[in-house]
């Protein structure tokens, strides 16, 4: 152990090597000069190496999700507005009407005499996307696709709301 400088413990007086951080007899911490310590090399972690890329990716994903949410919300609002316009169709001498409120569909039959008008069913519904609603039949929710013609005067409902048909057509009144 040539050319090794020694330190003396200020607590117990034990001679120590210059690189000692603690006294091996009493445990007292030694004042270590920076020049006496080895250089500690910090190995960069995955996060340190890719922090900027990861941050950009997170912001991009959040931005995309926000845009999807906003687009879906606007489309759902637009669909709800269109549904509330009032829809009917004629079957012989009976005019069938769909009246949409915020959360219910009232299915009515109107005959030439208003005192004979009849509510046939009231169904709970909710808009789930820009062209889909869920309608509750008993305890079961069924997904219904809504499509409008270009002038939004005709609505196609798939599957049919009021029959067992594949689809039905309703018109604004």
Protein backbone atom coordinates (compact mmCIF):
# COMPACT_ATOMS: atom_id res chain seq x y z
CA UNK A 1 0.00 0.00 0.00
CA UNK A 2 2.55 2.43 -1.13
CA UNK A 3 1.77 6.06 -1.82
CA UNK A 4 -1.57 5.77 -0.06
CA UNK A 5 -2.41 8.78 2.00
CA UNK A 6 -4.01 8.25 5.35
CA UNK A 7 -6.73 10.04 7.24
CA UNK A 8 -7.26 10.11 10.93
CA UNK A 9 -10.74 9.62 12.43
CA UNK A 10 -11.61 12.81 14.37
CA UNK A 11 -13.65 10.75 16.84
CA UNK A 12 -11.44 7.80 17.80
CA UNK A 13 -8.07 8.66 16.19
CA UNK A 14 -7.88 5.50 14.01
CA UNK A 15 -5.73 5.87 10.91
CA UNK A 16 -7.77 5.36 7.76
CA UNK A 17 -7.13 5.29 4.04
CA UNK A 18 -7.72 8.54 2.19
CA UNK A 19 -10.66 7.11 0.27
CA UNK A 20 -12.50 5.99 3.44
CA UNK A 21 -15.94 7.53 3.88
CA UNK A 22 -16.52 6.16 7.38
CA UNK A 23 -14.32 5.05 10.23
CA UNK A 24 -14.33 1.25 10.34
CA UNK A 25 -13.99 1.31 14.14
CA UNK A 26 -16.53 3.90 15.37
CA UNK A 27 -18.55 4.58 12.18
CA UNK A 28 -17.94 8.34 12.11
CA UNK A 29 -18.46 9.88 8.69
CA UNK A 30 -15.31 11.34 7.20
CA UNK A 31 -15.15 14.58 5.27
CA UNK A 32 -14.28 13.40 1.80
CA UNK A 33 -12.71 15.79 -0.65
CA UNK A 34 -14.12 15.66 -4.14
CA UNK A 35 -10.65 15.02 -5.50
CA UNK A 36 -10.36 11.92 -3.32
CA UNK A 37 -13.56 10.27 -4.52
CA UNK A 38 -14.07 8.32 -7.63
CA UNK A 39 -16.23 9.93 -10.28
CA UNK A 40 -19.72 8.48 -10.15
CA UNK A 41 -21.10 7.93 -13.60
CA UNK A 42 -24.85 8.14 -13.89
CA UNK A 43 -26.17 5.69 -16.44
CA UNK A 44 -29.10 7.30 -18.26
CA UNK A 45 -32.40 5.48 -17.87
CA UNK A 46 -34.86 4.75 -20.65
CA UNK A 47 -36.89 7.79 -19.50
CA UNK A 48 -33.79 10.04 -19.55
CA UNK A 49 -32.94 8.94 -23.08
CA UNK A 50 -36.47 9.23 -24.46
CA UNK A 51 -38.14 11.88 -22.29
CA UNK A 52 -38.86 14.27 -25.14
CA UNK A 53 -40.19 11.58 -27.50
CA UNK A 54 -42.39 10.05 -24.79
CA UNK A 55 -43.76 13.47 -23.81
CA UNK A 56 -44.59 14.30 -27.43
CA UNK A 57 -46.27 10.90 -27.89
CA UNK A 58 -48.37 11.36 -24.73
CA UNK A 59 -49.46 14.85 -25.80
CA UNK A 60 -50.30 13.55 -29.31
CA UNK A 61 -52.40 10.67 -27.95
CA UNK A 62 -54.25 13.01 -25.56
CA UNK A 63 -54.85 15.43 -28.45
CA UNK A 64 -56.21 12.68 -30.70
CA UNK A 65 -58.48 11.37 -27.94
CA UNK A 66 -59.73 14.90 -27.26
CA UNK A 67 -60.49 15.42 -30.96
CA UNK A 68 -62.37 12.10 -31.15
CA UNK A 69 -64.36 13.05 -28.05
CA UNK A 70 -65.20 16.51 -29.44
CA UNK A 71 -66.21 15.15 -32.86
CA UNK A 72 -68.37 12.44 -31.28
CA UNK A 73 -70.01 14.94 -28.93
CA UNK A 74 -70.81 17.36 -31.79
CA UNK A 75 -72.20 14.53 -33.95
CA UNK A 76 -74.29 13.18 -31.05
CA UNK A 77 -75.66 16.68 -30.36
CA UNK A 78 -76.50 17.09 -34.05
CA UNK A 79 -78.27 13.71 -34.15
CA UNK A 80 -80.29 14.53 -31.02
CA UNK A 81 -81.32 17.85 -32.63
CA UNK A 82 -82.42 16.11 -35.85
CA UNK A 83 -84.39 13.46 -33.97
CA UNK A 84 -86.45 16.11 -32.18
CA UNK A 85 -87.72 17.57 -35.49
CA UNK A 86 -90.80 15.31 -35.50
CA UNK A 87 -91.07 12.19 -37.62
CA UNK A 88 -94.09 10.41 -39.09
CA UNK A 89 -95.21 7.94 -41.73
CA UNK A 90 -98.59 6.86 -43.05
CA UNK A 91 -99.94 3.33 -42.93
CA UNK A 92 -103.29 3.36 -44.68
CA UNK A 93 -105.46 5.92 -42.89
CA UNK A 94 -103.28 5.91 -39.77
CA UNK A 95 -100.47 8.37 -39.32
CA UNK A 96 -97.72 6.95 -37.10
CA UNK A 97 -95.60 9.49 -35.23
CA UNK A 98 -92.28 9.31 -33.41
CA UNK A 99 -91.78 12.09 -30.86
CA UNK A 100 -88.26 12.21 -29.42
CA UNK A 101 -87.60 14.01 -26.14
CA UNK A 102 -84.24 14.13 -24.36
CA UNK A 103 -84.44 10.50 -23.24
CA UNK A 104 -87.72 9.00 -24.49
CA UNK A 105 -89.37 8.11 -27.78
CA UNK A 106 -93.15 8.26 -27.85
CA UNK A 107 -94.63 6.13 -30.62
CA UNK A 108 -98.18 7.32 -31.43
CA UNK A 109 -100.94 6.47 -33.85
CA UNK A 110 -102.95 9.47 -35.05
CA UNK A 111 -106.28 9.03 -36.70
CA UNK A 112 -108.48 11.69 -38.26
CA UNK A 113 -110.19 12.27 -34.92
CA UNK A 114 -107.82 13.60 -32.29
CA UNK A 115 -109.77 11.93 -29.50
CA UNK A 116 -108.78 8.60 -31.07
CA UNK A 117 -105.03 9.36 -31.04
CA UNK A 118 -103.20 6.67 -29.10
CA UNK A 119 -99.75 6.31 -27.62
CA UNK A 120 -98.61 2.84 -28.63
CA UNK A 121 -95.28 2.75 -26.77
CA UNK A 122 -92.80 4.89 -24.87
CA UNK A 123 -89.19 3.78 -25.16
CA UNK A 124 -86.09 5.00 -23.35
CA UNK A 125 -83.21 5.91 -25.64
CA UNK A 126 -79.79 7.48 -25.57
CA UNK A 127 -77.54 8.78 -28.33
CA UNK A 128 -74.26 6.86 -28.36
CA UNK A 129 -72.54 8.30 -31.43
CA UNK A 130 -73.10 10.44 -34.49
CA UNK A 131 -75.53 7.99 -36.11
CA UNK A 132 -76.36 5.41 -33.43
CA UNK A 133 -78.83 5.34 -30.60
CA UNK A 134 -79.54 2.68 -28.00
CA UNK A 135 -83.21 1.93 -27.38
CA UNK A 136 -84.46 0.04 -24.35
CA UNK A 137 -86.99 -2.71 -25.06
CA UNK A 138 -88.02 -4.12 -21.69
CA UNK A 139 -84.70 -4.67 -19.93
CA UNK A 140 -82.62 -5.00 -23.12
CA UNK A 141 -80.84 -2.17 -24.93
CA UNK A 142 -80.69 -2.49 -28.71
CA UNK A 143 -78.43 -0.45 -30.99
CA UNK A 144 -80.22 1.35 -33.81
CA UNK A 145 -78.51 3.06 -36.76
CA UNK A 146 -80.03 6.31 -38.00
CA UNK A 147 -79.40 7.70 -41.49
CA UNK A 148 -80.82 10.85 -43.10
CA UNK A 149 -81.18 11.80 -46.73
CA UNK A 150 -79.26 14.88 -47.91
CA UNK A 151 -82.12 17.27 -47.17
CA UNK A 152 -82.76 15.59 -43.79
CA UNK A 153 -86.45 15.16 -44.60
CA UNK A 154 -86.30 11.35 -44.52
CA UNK A 155 -84.85 9.19 -41.76
CA UNK A 156 -83.94 5.53 -42.22
CA UNK A 157 -83.94 3.46 -39.03
CA UNK A 158 -82.05 0.11 -39.00
CA UNK A 159 -83.36 -2.18 -37.58
CA UNK A 160 -86.91 -0.89 -37.46
CA UNK A 161 -88.06 0.69 -34.19
CA UNK A 162 -91.74 -0.17 -34.45
CA UNK A 163 -91.83 -3.46 -36.36
CA UNK A 164 -89.76 -6.55 -37.04
CA UNK A 165 -88.63 -5.24 -40.40
CA UNK A 166 -84.99 -4.79 -41.33
CA UNK A 167 -85.49 -1.03 -41.62
CA UNK A 168 -88.20 1.60 -41.71
CA UNK A 169 -88.51 5.09 -43.15
CA UNK A 170 -89.80 8.18 -41.35
CA UNK A 171 -90.47 11.65 -42.73
CA UNK A 172 -90.49 15.10 -41.13
CA UNK A 173 -93.90 16.65 -40.55
